[in-house]
Amino acid sequence: MSLFKAASTVSLLTLASRITGLVRDLLMASMFGANALTDAFNVAFRIPNLFRRLFAEGAFSQAFVPVLASARAQQGEEATKALIDSVATVLAWALLVTCIAGVLGAPLLVWLLASGLRHAPDSYQAAVLMTRWMFPYIGFMSLVALAAGVLNTWRHFVVPAATPVLLNLSMIAAAWLGAPQLAARGIEPIYAMAGGVMLGGLLQLAVQLPVLRRLGLLPRVGLSWAALRSAYQQEGVRRILQLMAPALLGVGVAQLSLMINTQIASYLAPGSVTWLFYADRLMEFPTALLGVALGVVLTPQLAAAKAAGDAARYSAMLDWGLRIVVLLAVPCAVGLLTLAEPLVATLFHYGALRNSDVGQIASALAGYGVGLLGLVAIKVLAPGYYASQDIRTPVRIAIVVLVITQLLNVLLVPWVQHVGLALSIGLAALVNALWLLVGLLRRGSYQPQPGWGRFALQVLAASVLLALWLLWAAQHFDWIALRAQAAWRIALLAGILATAALVYFGALWAAGLQLRQCLRR
């Protein structure tokens, strides 16, 4: 499977996940609005997600996938299978301890993440209760990340990319069916969402296991203390743990930044946490469809190229990934900056969500859009370091970027409130991506192929035309007033976006860009 075909497959499945996630968020916005209790749910859901990024697609995946790909390339299938069993054993024991500690320590975790909720005691207690219900979710998701790392290394991308849909479907069912049932019994309906999260985690793990069994890669988890000691002493496990140490610091820095931002938001106007959450959900469309898909496909391939000593192939893959980022992330950023209010109004402005909420979410979305190119580029540049089993350099950069983010918060939050939190993340992401790029260039790992200057001018010219069209569309219609004509508003936005795609890619074609050659790797 070619890199572009693999990335396209992951992107399409990720699109399905994001669409079902959007339906989930739209349903929640319509049923629950933006208030102190939705802030409580978003804080409680963010806590297991924070730890998931440590144990799952964060530090663990950054360390596990390169070591697994290297073991498969250099040691063969049997040794690699033994490594998978040992890693699964150590991970399962670590998750058991973590989940028990998380359930017991839920009040402290909520206080650390959003102490401002204590101004509304009912909201704070709801956040603690939902954290306890949802914390075991990290156990399911971390094992899902283990399975996904194995399957991606064996170039089986479909199932790992499709499983997030199950979480969204479970949460949609919880909102649609469970919440009314709780409300009829006099129980706060937002609690149904916690049950949906747990069901989604269980289903995501369940669908991975048959694929692993069919490939003969289903891990055997040692349940005894002796099995744990034996697994811990395996050389590959120790190497992963060594790589995880700086990776944990790097992911911890990113999560610390998120915690600080959530803390700040909890002291701002009620609804600020939810406004940022919905803006972040929309911003995840391009970051996931582009950045995550490219990162998932490129990481094991870059690691294999490094293990084989093929420097030319390694550099060429990075070059291809960065061209795709520029080609697709730049117009997406233009769309977020110019079309934020129409997007938010069309997707979320129903039911309990107020007119004023639309503007607050749209402003935050534009703040994130400033740094979209950086946020996506990081997903391609960072694997360039992980493939060399160099996690320390991205960590050092992340620490400095954390400081920059908080300095920006000091300047921006008093001025533009919650929008400053989004804007500081966007600006810091640009710094992070540029720093990673310069590092790869200086060490000679990445050597840009010819034609970048012409390519950049072609993208810039097409993006200017795109911006002019979207600015006209955003200002010509009253997107808030169109709430009474929901079907027309949806059709109008769809037509505008379809025309935008024609404008952008038509301008690229007129400028002489050979799109098929650009996409082919």
Protein backbone atom coordinates (compact mmCIF):
# COMPACT_ATOMS: atom_id res chain seq x y z
CA MET A 1 0.00 0.00 0.00
CA SER A 2 1.45 3.39 -1.03
CA LEU A 3 1.91 6.09 1.59
CA PHE A 4 -0.76 8.28 0.01
CA LYS A 5 -3.25 5.43 -0.23
CA ALA A 6 -2.58 4.44 3.38
CA ALA A 7 -2.88 8.05 4.56
CA SER A 8 -6.06 8.47 2.53
CA THR A 9 -7.56 5.36 4.09
CA VAL A 10 -6.76 6.59 7.58
CA SER A 11 -8.06 10.06 6.71
CA LEU A 12 -11.37 8.74 5.39
CA LEU A 13 -11.91 6.59 8.47
CA THR A 14 -10.86 9.48 10.67
CA LEU A 15 -13.37 11.63 8.80
CA ALA A 16 -16.08 9.12 9.70
CA SER A 17 -14.94 9.36 13.31
CA ARG A 18 -14.98 13.16 13.24
CA ILE A 19 -18.40 13.28 11.59
CA THR A 20 -19.91 10.99 14.22
CA GLY A 21 -18.06 13.04 16.85
CA LEU A 22 -19.60 16.17 15.40
CA VAL A 23 -23.06 14.59 15.58
CA ARG A 24 -22.31 13.71 19.20
CA ASP A 25 -21.22 17.26 20.04
CA LEU A 26 -24.18 18.77 18.15
CA LEU A 27 -26.56 16.55 20.08
CA MET A 28 -24.92 17.46 23.38
CA ALA A 29 -24.96 21.18 22.57
CA SER A 30 -28.64 20.98 21.66
CA MET A 31 -29.64 18.95 24.74
CA PHE A 32 -27.36 20.41 27.42
CA GLY A 33 -26.23 23.82 26.09
CA ALA A 34 -23.17 25.51 27.63
CA ASN A 35 -23.37 25.84 31.41
CA ALA A 36 -21.72 24.82 34.68
CA LEU A 37 -22.77 21.15 34.38
CA THR A 38 -21.47 20.81 30.82
CA ASP A 39 -18.24 22.37 32.11
CA ALA A 40 -18.22 19.63 34.79
CA PHE A 41 -18.61 16.86 32.20
CA ASN A 42 -15.91 18.32 29.95
CA VAL A 43 -13.51 18.57 32.90
CA ALA A 44 -14.31 15.00 33.99
CA PHE A 45 -13.89 13.67 30.43
CA ARG A 46 -10.65 15.58 30.02
CA ILE A 47 -9.04 13.88 33.04
CA PRO A 48 -8.99 10.29 31.66
CA ASN A 49 -8.10 11.73 28.25
CA LEU A 50 -5.14 13.48 29.84
CA PHE A 51 -3.84 10.18 31.24
CA ARG A 52 -4.73 8.42 27.99
CA ARG A 53 -2.29 10.69 26.20
CA LEU A 54 0.39 9.57 28.64
CA PHE A 55 -0.27 5.82 28.44
CA ALA A 56 -1.81 5.56 24.98
CA GLU A 57 -1.21 7.64 21.85
CA GLY A 58 1.20 9.94 23.67
CA ALA A 59 4.38 8.78 25.38
CA PHE A 60 3.68 5.08 25.01
CA SER A 61 3.07 5.12 21.25
CA GLN A 62 6.02 7.45 20.66
CA ALA A 63 8.31 4.91 22.34
CA PHE A 64 6.59 1.65 21.40
CA VAL A 65 6.09 1.96 17.63
CA PRO A 66 9.74 2.81 16.69
CA VAL A 67 11.11 0.00 18.91
CA LEU A 68 8.54 -2.46 17.55
CA ALA A 69 9.28 -1.51 13.92
CA SER A 70 13.02 -1.78 14.55
CA ALA A 71 12.63 -5.18 16.25
CA ARG A 72 10.58 -6.51 13.36
CA ALA A 73 13.11 -5.26 10.79
CA GLN A 74 16.20 -6.54 12.62
CA GLN A 75 15.15 -9.49 14.83
CA GLY A 76 12.28 -11.20 13.04
CA GLU A 77 8.70 -12.13 13.82
CA GLU A 78 9.25 -14.50 16.76
CA ALA A 79 11.30 -12.04 18.80
CA THR A 80 8.85 -9.27 17.98
CA LYS A 81 5.92 -11.39 19.22
CA ALA A 82 7.77 -11.98 22.50
CA LEU A 83 8.31 -8.22 22.80
CA ILE A 84 4.57 -7.58 22.29
CA ASP A 85 3.69 -10.07 25.06
CA SER A 86 6.15 -8.48 27.49
CA VAL A 87 5.01 -4.93 26.75
CA ALA A 88 1.34 -5.93 27.16
CA THR A 89 2.09 -7.49 30.55
CA VAL A 90 3.91 -4.46 31.94
CA LEU A 91 1.32 -2.05 30.50
CA ALA A 92 -1.65 -4.00 31.94
CA TRP A 93 -0.19 -3.96 35.46
CA ALA A 94 0.64 -0.26 35.24
CA LEU A 95 -2.90 0.52 34.07
CA LEU A 96 -4.47 -1.46 36.91
CA VAL A 97 -2.59 0.56 39.51
CA THR A 98 -3.30 3.83 37.71
CA CYS A 99 -7.04 3.22 37.42
CA ILE A 100 -7.38 2.36 41.12
CA ALA A 101 -5.42 5.47 42.09
CA GLY A 102 -7.46 7.64 39.70
CA VAL A 103 -10.81 6.52 41.08
CA LEU A 104 -9.70 7.11 44.66
CA GLY A 105 -8.03 10.43 43.88
CA ALA A 106 -10.81 11.92 41.71
CA PRO A 107 -11.49 14.93 44.02
CA LEU A 108 -7.83 15.94 43.91
CA LEU A 109 -7.66 15.51 40.13
CA VAL A 110 -10.72 17.71 39.57
CA TRP A 111 -9.29 20.34 41.90
CA LEU A 112 -5.95 20.28 40.07
CA LEU A 113 -7.60 20.63 36.67
CA ALA A 114 -10.46 23.05 37.40
CA SER A 115 -10.52 24.35 40.96
CA GLY A 116 -12.72 27.22 39.76
CA LEU A 117 -15.65 24.77 39.65
CA ARG A 118 -15.74 24.93 43.47
CA HIS A 119 -17.57 28.24 43.13
CA ALA A 120 -20.52 26.08 42.02
CA PRO A 121 -20.51 23.10 44.48
CA ASP A 122 -23.03 21.04 42.49
CA SER A 123 -20.85 21.35 39.38
CA TYR A 124 -17.72 20.39 41.31
CA GLN A 125 -19.33 17.30 42.86
CA ALA A 126 -20.74 16.27 39.48
CA ALA A 127 -17.24 16.51 37.98
CA VAL A 128 -15.82 14.31 40.76
CA LEU A 129 -18.53 11.68 40.34
CA MET A 130 -18.20 11.54 36.55
CA THR A 131 -14.40 11.37 36.83
CA ARG A 132 -14.73 8.27 39.01
CA TRP A 133 -17.09 6.65 36.53
CA MET A 134 -14.94 7.46 33.50
CA PHE A 135 -11.40 7.04 34.81
CA PRO A 136 -11.17 3.30 33.90
CA TYR A 137 -11.67 4.44 30.29
CA ILE A 138 -7.90 5.02 30.14
CA GLY A 139 -7.34 1.32 30.73
CA PHE A 140 -9.34 0.36 27.65
CA MET A 141 -7.82 3.09 25.50
CA SER A 142 -4.23 2.32 26.47
CA LEU A 143 -4.69 -1.31 25.45
CA VAL A 144 -6.32 -0.05 22.25
CA ALA A 145 -3.17 2.01 21.61
CA LEU A 146 -1.03 -1.11 22.09
CA ALA A 147 -3.14 -3.02 19.59
CA ALA A 148 -3.12 -0.10 17.14
CA GLY A 149 0.66 0.20 17.33
CA VAL A 150 1.01 -3.48 16.44
CA LEU A 151 -1.50 -3.33 13.59
CA ASN A 152 -0.03 -0.15 12.12
CA THR A 153 3.45 -1.68 12.18
CA TRP A 154 2.06 -4.61 10.19
CA ARG A 155 0.46 -2.02 7.84
CA HIS A 156 -3.10 -2.82 8.93
CA PHE A 157 -4.48 0.70 9.27
CA VAL A 158 -8.22 0.21 8.81
CA VAL A 159 -9.40 -1.17 12.17
CA PRO A 160 -7.33 1.20 14.39
CA ALA A 161 -8.55 4.19 12.38
CA ALA A 162 -12.19 3.07 12.46
CA THR A 163 -12.55 2.22 16.16
CA PRO A 164 -13.01 5.83 17.44
CA VAL A 165 -16.39 5.80 15.68
CA LEU A 166 -17.57 3.35 18.34
CA LEU A 167 -16.94 5.84 21.15
CA ASN A 168 -18.95 8.50 19.34
CA LEU A 169 -21.83 6.11 18.61
CA SER A 170 -21.90 5.04 22.26
CA MET A 171 -22.03 8.66 23.43
CA ILE A 172 -24.74 9.50 20.87
CA ALA A 173 -26.82 6.59 22.19
CA ALA A 174 -26.21 7.80 25.75
CA ALA A 175 -27.38 11.33 24.91
CA TRP A 176 -30.32 10.24 22.79
CA LEU A 177 -31.58 7.29 24.83
CA GLY A 178 -29.91 7.36 28.23
CA ALA A 179 -30.24 11.04 29.14
CA PRO A 180 -34.06 11.17 28.79
CA GLN A 181 -34.32 8.04 30.92
CA LEU A 182 -32.28 9.63 33.71
CA ALA A 183 -34.23 12.89 33.46
CA ALA A 184 -37.51 10.97 33.81
CA ARG A 185 -36.19 9.54 37.09
CA GLY A 186 -35.13 12.93 38.42
CA ILE A 187 -31.40 12.30 37.84
CA GLU A 188 -29.21 14.88 36.14
CA PRO A 189 -29.20 13.69 32.48
CA ILE A 190 -25.55 14.70 31.83
CA TYR A 191 -24.53 11.64 33.87
CA ALA A 192 -25.63 9.40 30.99
CA MET A 193 -22.64 10.63 29.01
CA ALA A 194 -20.22 9.03 31.47
CA GLY A 195 -21.81 5.64 30.80
CA GLY A 196 -21.49 6.24 27.06
CA VAL A 197 -17.77 6.92 27.42
CA MET A 198 -17.17 3.66 29.28
CA LEU A 199 -19.18 1.61 26.78
CA GLY A 200 -17.25 3.22 23.91
CA GLY A 201 -13.89 2.32 25.44
CA LEU A 202 -14.91 -1.30 25.93
CA LEU A 203 -16.17 -1.62 22.33
CA GLN A 204 -13.00 -0.08 20.87
CA LEU A 205 -10.86 -2.69 22.58
CA ALA A 206 -13.22 -5.54 21.70
CA VAL A 207 -13.02 -4.97 17.92
CA GLN A 208 -9.20 -4.96 17.91
CA LEU A 209 -8.78 -8.38 19.48
CA PRO A 210 -10.13 -10.57 16.62
CA VAL A 211 -7.79 -8.88 14.12
CA LEU A 212 -4.78 -9.46 16.36
CA ARG A 213 -5.80 -13.09 16.87
CA ARG A 214 -6.14 -13.64 13.11
CA LEU A 215 -2.61 -12.29 12.58
CA GLY A 216 -1.25 -14.42 15.43
CA LEU A 217 -0.32 -11.28 17.35
CA LEU A 218 -2.82 -11.32 20.21
CA PRO A 219 -0.73 -10.47 23.32
CA ARG A 220 -0.50 -12.89 26.21
CA VAL A 221 -0.70 -10.88 29.43
CA GLY A 222 1.14 -12.41 32.38
CA LEU A 223 -1.06 -12.30 35.49
CA SER A 224 1.52 -13.37 38.06
CA TRP A 225 4.23 -11.36 39.79
CA ALA A 226 6.86 -13.65 38.25
CA ALA A 227 5.48 -12.95 34.75
CA LEU A 228 5.65 -9.22 35.43
CA ARG A 229 9.28 -9.46 36.59
CA SER A 230 10.22 -11.52 33.54
CA ALA A 231 8.51 -9.08 31.18
CA TYR A 232 10.16 -6.09 32.83
CA GLN A 233 13.60 -7.63 32.30
CA GLN A 234 13.07 -7.99 28.52
CA GLU A 235 15.53 -5.77 26.66
CA GLY A 236 12.93 -4.27 24.34
CA VAL A 237 10.67 -3.37 27.28
CA ARG A 238 13.53 -1.61 29.03
CA ARG A 239 14.31 0.30 25.84
CA ILE A 240 10.69 1.41 25.55
CA LEU A 241 10.67 2.52 29.19
CA GLN A 242 13.90 4.45 28.63
CA LEU A 243 12.33 6.21 25.66
CA MET A 244 9.10 6.77 27.56
CA ALA A 245 10.85 8.71 30.32
CA PRO A 246 11.58 11.78 28.17
CA ALA A 247 8.38 11.18 26.20
CA LEU A 248 6.36 11.29 29.42
CA LEU A 249 8.01 14.57 30.21
CA GLY A 250 7.16 15.89 26.75
CA VAL A 251 3.54 14.73 26.84
CA GLY A 252 3.34 15.83 30.47
CA VAL A 253 4.43 19.30 29.43
CA ALA A 254 1.67 19.41 26.80
CA GLN A 255 -0.91 18.16 29.31
CA LEU A 256 0.35 20.61 31.92
CA SER A 257 -0.32 23.37 29.42
CA LEU A 258 -3.83 21.98 28.91
CA MET A 259 -4.38 21.80 32.68
CA ILE A 260 -3.26 25.38 33.15
CA ASN A 261 -5.55 26.56 30.36
CA THR A 262 -8.50 24.64 31.83
CA GLN A 263 -7.77 26.11 35.25
CA ILE A 264 -7.74 29.60 33.79
CA ALA A 265 -10.95 28.94 31.82
CA SER A 266 -12.70 27.67 34.97
CA TYR A 267 -12.23 31.13 36.52
CA LEU A 268 -13.59 32.96 33.48
CA ALA A 269 -17.28 33.38 32.54
CA PRO A 270 -19.47 30.27 33.00
CA GLY A 271 -19.40 28.28 29.77
CA SER A 272 -15.79 29.16 28.92
CA VAL A 273 -14.59 25.57 29.28
CA THR A 274 -17.41 24.41 26.99
CA TRP A 275 -16.78 27.17 24.41
CA LEU A 276 -13.15 26.08 24.17
CA PHE A 277 -14.17 22.42 24.04
CA TYR A 278 -16.46 22.90 21.03
CA ALA A 279 -13.87 25.06 19.25
CA ASP A 280 -11.26 22.40 19.90
CA ARG A 281 -13.59 19.72 18.50
CA LEU A 282 -13.94 21.61 15.23
CA MET A 283 -10.22 22.27 15.06
CA GLU A 284 -9.62 18.52 15.44
CA PHE A 285 -11.16 17.90 12.02
CA PRO A 286 -8.13 19.16 10.05
CA THR A 287 -5.56 18.15 12.67
CA ALA A 288 -6.85 14.58 12.71
CA LEU A 289 -7.61 14.21 9.02
CA LEU A 290 -4.18 15.56 8.06
CA GLY A 291 -1.75 15.44 10.96
CA VAL A 292 -2.84 12.31 12.78
CA ALA A 293 -3.34 10.34 9.56
CA LEU A 294 0.11 11.30 8.26
CA GLY A 295 1.73 10.62 11.62
CA VAL A 296 0.13 7.18 11.91
CA VAL A 297 1.32 6.19 8.43
CA LEU A 298 4.76 7.81 8.50
CA THR A 299 5.98 6.83 11.99
CA PRO A 300 6.52 3.08 11.41
CA GLN A 301 7.82 3.72 7.87
CA LEU A 302 10.32 6.35 9.02
CA ALA A 303 11.46 4.01 11.81
CA ALA A 304 11.92 1.16 9.32
CA ALA A 305 13.92 3.43 6.98
CA LYS A 306 16.16 4.50 9.87
CA ALA A 307 16.65 0.90 10.99
CA ALA A 308 17.64 -0.03 7.42
CA GLY A 309 20.02 2.94 7.15
CA ASP A 310 18.12 4.34 4.15
CA ALA A 311 18.67 8.08 4.71
CA ALA A 312 17.39 9.08 1.26
CA ARG A 313 14.06 7.29 1.72
CA TYR A 314 13.71 8.75 5.23
CA SER A 315 14.27 12.32 3.96
CA ALA A 316 11.99 11.83 0.95
CA MET A 317 9.13 10.64 3.16
CA LEU A 318 9.50 13.69 5.40
CA ASP A 319 9.52 15.96 2.36
CA TRP A 320 6.37 14.33 0.99
CA GLY A 321 4.61 14.64 4.35
CA LEU A 322 5.47 18.32 4.70
CA ARG A 323 4.24 19.11 1.18
CA ILE A 324 0.92 17.45 1.96
CA VAL A 325 0.71 19.48 5.18
CA VAL A 326 1.26 22.77 3.37
CA LEU A 327 -1.04 21.82 0.49
CA LEU A 328 -4.00 20.97 2.73
CA ALA A 329 -3.46 22.66 6.11
CA VAL A 330 -3.04 26.18 4.73
CA PRO A 331 -6.52 26.31 3.11
CA CYS A 332 -8.01 24.71 6.22
CA ALA A 333 -6.46 27.48 8.34
CA VAL A 334 -7.89 30.07 5.95
CA GLY A 335 -11.30 28.46 6.39
CA LEU A 336 -11.14 28.54 10.19
CA LEU A 337 -10.06 32.19 10.21
CA THR A 338 -12.64 33.47 7.73
CA LEU A 339 -15.59 31.11 8.14
CA ALA A 340 -15.58 30.45 11.90
CA GLU A 341 -19.02 31.87 12.70
CA PRO A 342 -20.85 30.17 9.79
CA LEU A 343 -19.24 26.85 10.74
CA VAL A 344 -20.17 27.12 14.41
CA ALA A 345 -23.67 28.43 13.71
CA THR A 346 -24.48 25.71 11.20
CA LEU A 347 -23.09 22.86 13.28
CA PHE A 348 -23.97 23.80 16.87
CA HIS A 349 -26.60 26.55 16.92
CA TYR A 350 -29.62 24.48 17.93
CA GLY A 351 -31.68 23.75 21.04
CA ALA A 352 -30.16 25.07 24.25
CA LEU A 353 -27.14 26.76 22.62
CA ARG A 354 -27.65 30.53 22.69
CA ASN A 355 -26.86 33.15 20.03
CA SER A 356 -24.10 34.58 22.23
CA ASP A 357 -22.47 31.14 22.54
CA VAL A 358 -21.95 31.01 18.76
CA GLY A 359 -19.76 34.11 18.78
CA GLN A 360 -17.75 32.90 21.77
CA ILE A 361 -17.05 29.50 20.17
CA ALA A 362 -16.27 31.07 16.77
CA SER A 363 -13.75 33.48 18.30
CA ALA A 364 -11.93 30.62 20.01
CA LEU A 365 -11.99 28.61 16.78
CA ALA A 366 -10.31 31.47 14.90
CA GLY A 367 -7.68 31.62 17.66
CA TYR A 368 -6.87 27.95 17.15
CA GLY A 369 -6.89 28.49 13.36
CA VAL A 370 -3.94 30.87 13.61
CA GLY A 371 -1.71 27.95 14.56
CA LEU A 372 -3.33 25.15 12.55
CA LEU A 373 -0.38 24.80 10.17
CA GLY A 374 1.95 24.33 13.14
CA LEU A 375 -0.38 21.89 14.91
CA VAL A 376 -0.55 19.68 11.81
CA ALA A 377 3.14 20.01 10.89
CA ILE A 378 4.18 18.81 14.36
CA LYS A 379 2.46 15.47 13.62
CA VAL A 380 4.87 14.97 10.71
CA LEU A 381 8.02 16.56 12.12
CA ALA A 382 8.00 14.92 15.56
CA PRO A 383 7.96 11.35 14.11
CA GLY A 384 11.14 12.36 12.29
CA TYR A 385 12.79 12.43 15.71
CA TYR A 386 10.93 9.43 17.15
CA ALA A 387 12.05 7.27 14.21
CA SER A 388 15.65 7.89 15.30
CA GLN A 389 14.57 7.03 18.87
CA ASP A 390 15.37 10.65 19.78
CA ILE A 391 12.57 11.80 22.06
CA ARG A 392 14.66 14.17 24.17
CA THR A 393 14.90 16.91 21.52
CA PRO A 394 11.13 17.31 21.02
CA VAL A 395 10.75 17.29 24.81
CA ARG A 396 13.23 20.13 25.30
CA ILE A 397 11.41 22.11 22.65
CA ALA A 398 8.04 21.35 24.28
CA ILE A 399 9.26 22.66 27.64
CA VAL A 400 10.30 25.98 26.15
CA VAL A 401 7.04 26.16 24.18
CA LEU A 402 5.10 25.63 27.43
CA VAL A 403 6.78 28.70 28.89
CA ILE A 404 6.02 30.66 25.72
CA THR A 405 2.36 29.55 25.86
CA GLN A 406 1.92 30.77 29.43
CA LEU A 407 3.64 34.08 28.71
CA LEU A 408 1.19 34.55 25.85
CA ASN A 409 -1.66 33.72 28.23
CA VAL A 410 -0.50 36.45 30.60
CA LEU A 411 -0.63 38.93 27.72
CA LEU A 412 -3.76 37.72 25.91
CA VAL A 413 -6.27 36.37 28.48
CA PRO A 414 -6.85 39.72 30.28
CA TRP A 415 -7.46 41.22 26.85
CA VAL A 416 -9.66 38.65 25.05
CA GLN A 417 -10.58 36.17 27.84
CA HIS A 418 -11.00 32.54 26.67
CA VAL A 419 -10.00 33.46 23.10
CA GLY A 420 -6.54 34.28 24.43
CA LEU A 421 -6.17 30.67 25.62
CA ALA A 422 -6.85 29.36 22.11
CA LEU A 423 -4.66 31.97 20.43
CA SER A 424 -1.71 31.25 22.73
CA ILE A 425 -1.88 27.54 21.82
CA GLY A 426 -1.99 28.38 18.11
CA LEU A 427 0.96 30.78 18.20
CA ALA A 428 3.04 28.41 20.34
CA ALA A 429 2.34 25.54 17.91
CA LEU A 430 3.89 27.58 15.10
CA VAL A 431 7.02 28.11 17.21
CA ASN A 432 7.15 24.40 18.06
CA ALA A 433 6.85 23.27 14.43
CA LEU A 434 9.44 25.75 13.18
CA TRP A 435 11.89 24.66 15.87
CA LEU A 436 11.44 20.97 15.00
CA LEU A 437 11.95 21.73 11.31
CA VAL A 438 15.14 23.71 11.89
CA GLY A 439 16.50 20.88 14.04
CA LEU A 440 15.99 18.29 11.31
CA LEU A 441 17.58 20.58 8.75
CA ARG A 442 20.62 21.33 10.89
CA ARG A 443 21.39 17.69 11.62
CA GLY A 444 21.05 16.88 7.91
CA SER A 445 18.32 14.28 8.50
CA TYR A 446 15.94 16.17 6.26
CA GLN A 447 17.05 17.63 2.93
CA PRO A 448 14.23 19.45 1.10
CA GLN A 449 13.76 18.34 -2.47
CA PRO A 450 13.75 20.93 -5.30
CA GLY A 451 10.67 22.99 -6.11
CA TRP A 452 9.61 24.25 -2.69
CA GLY A 453 9.71 27.95 -3.65
CA ARG A 454 7.39 27.55 -6.63
CA PHE A 455 5.13 25.21 -4.66
CA ALA A 456 4.79 27.72 -1.78
CA LEU A 457 3.88 30.55 -4.18
CA GLN A 458 1.24 28.40 -5.87
CA VAL A 459 -0.37 27.53 -2.50
CA LEU A 460 -0.20 31.16 -1.35
CA ALA A 461 -1.88 32.51 -4.49
CA ALA A 462 -4.66 29.91 -4.33
CA SER A 463 -5.19 30.60 -0.61
CA VAL A 464 -5.61 34.35 -1.23
CA LEU A 465 -8.39 33.66 -3.73
CA LEU A 466 -9.95 31.20 -1.28
CA ALA A 467 -9.88 33.79 1.53
CA LEU A 468 -11.64 36.40 -0.63
CA TRP A 469 -14.46 33.97 -1.46
CA LEU A 470 -14.93 32.82 2.14
CA LEU A 471 -14.86 36.37 3.56
CA TRP A 472 -17.64 37.34 1.16
CA ALA A 473 -19.68 34.28 2.11
CA ALA A 474 -19.23 34.87 5.85
CA GLN A 475 -20.33 38.49 5.69
CA HIS A 476 -23.06 38.28 3.04
CA PHE A 477 -25.44 36.07 5.07
CA ASP A 478 -26.83 36.42 8.61
CA TRP A 479 -25.83 33.01 9.87
CA ILE A 480 -27.36 33.51 13.33
CA ALA A 481 -30.75 34.53 11.92
CA LEU A 482 -30.74 31.48 9.65
CA ARG A 483 -31.34 29.31 12.73
CA ALA A 484 -35.03 29.35 11.80
CA GLN A 485 -34.12 27.82 8.41
CA ALA A 486 -31.78 25.04 9.50
CA ALA A 487 -31.98 22.99 6.30
CA TRP A 488 -31.25 26.04 4.14
CA ARG A 489 -28.33 27.01 6.37
CA ILE A 490 -26.79 23.54 6.08
CA ALA A 491 -27.25 23.47 2.29
CA LEU A 492 -25.81 26.98 2.00
CA LEU A 493 -22.69 26.10 3.97
CA ALA A 494 -22.23 22.89 1.97
CA GLY A 495 -22.45 24.85 -1.29
CA ILE A 496 -19.98 27.45 -0.06
CA LEU A 497 -17.47 24.79 1.00
CA ALA A 498 -17.83 22.90 -2.28
CA THR A 499 -17.23 26.12 -4.21
CA ALA A 500 -14.25 26.86 -1.95
CA ALA A 501 -12.69 23.53 -2.90
CA LEU A 502 -13.20 24.33 -6.59
CA VAL A 503 -11.69 27.80 -6.15
CA TYR A 504 -8.62 26.52 -4.31
CA PHE A 505 -7.79 23.47 -6.40
CA GLY A 506 -8.79 25.25 -9.60
CA ALA A 507 -6.36 28.05 -8.77
CA LEU A 508 -3.61 25.49 -8.09
CA TRP A 509 -4.28 23.85 -11.44
CA ALA A 510 -4.21 27.23 -13.20
CA ALA A 511 -0.90 27.99 -11.47
CA GLY A 512 0.59 24.81 -12.93
CA LEU A 513 0.63 22.53 -9.88
CA GLN A 514 0.52 18.84 -10.85
CA LEU A 515 -1.65 17.62 -8.00
CA ARG A 516 -1.35 13.91 -8.80
CA GLN A 517 2.45 14.06 -8.82
CA CYS A 518 2.41 16.02 -5.57
CA LEU A 519 0.26 13.43 -3.80
CA ARG A 520 2.08 10.39 -5.14
CA ARG A 521 4.91 8.99 -3.01
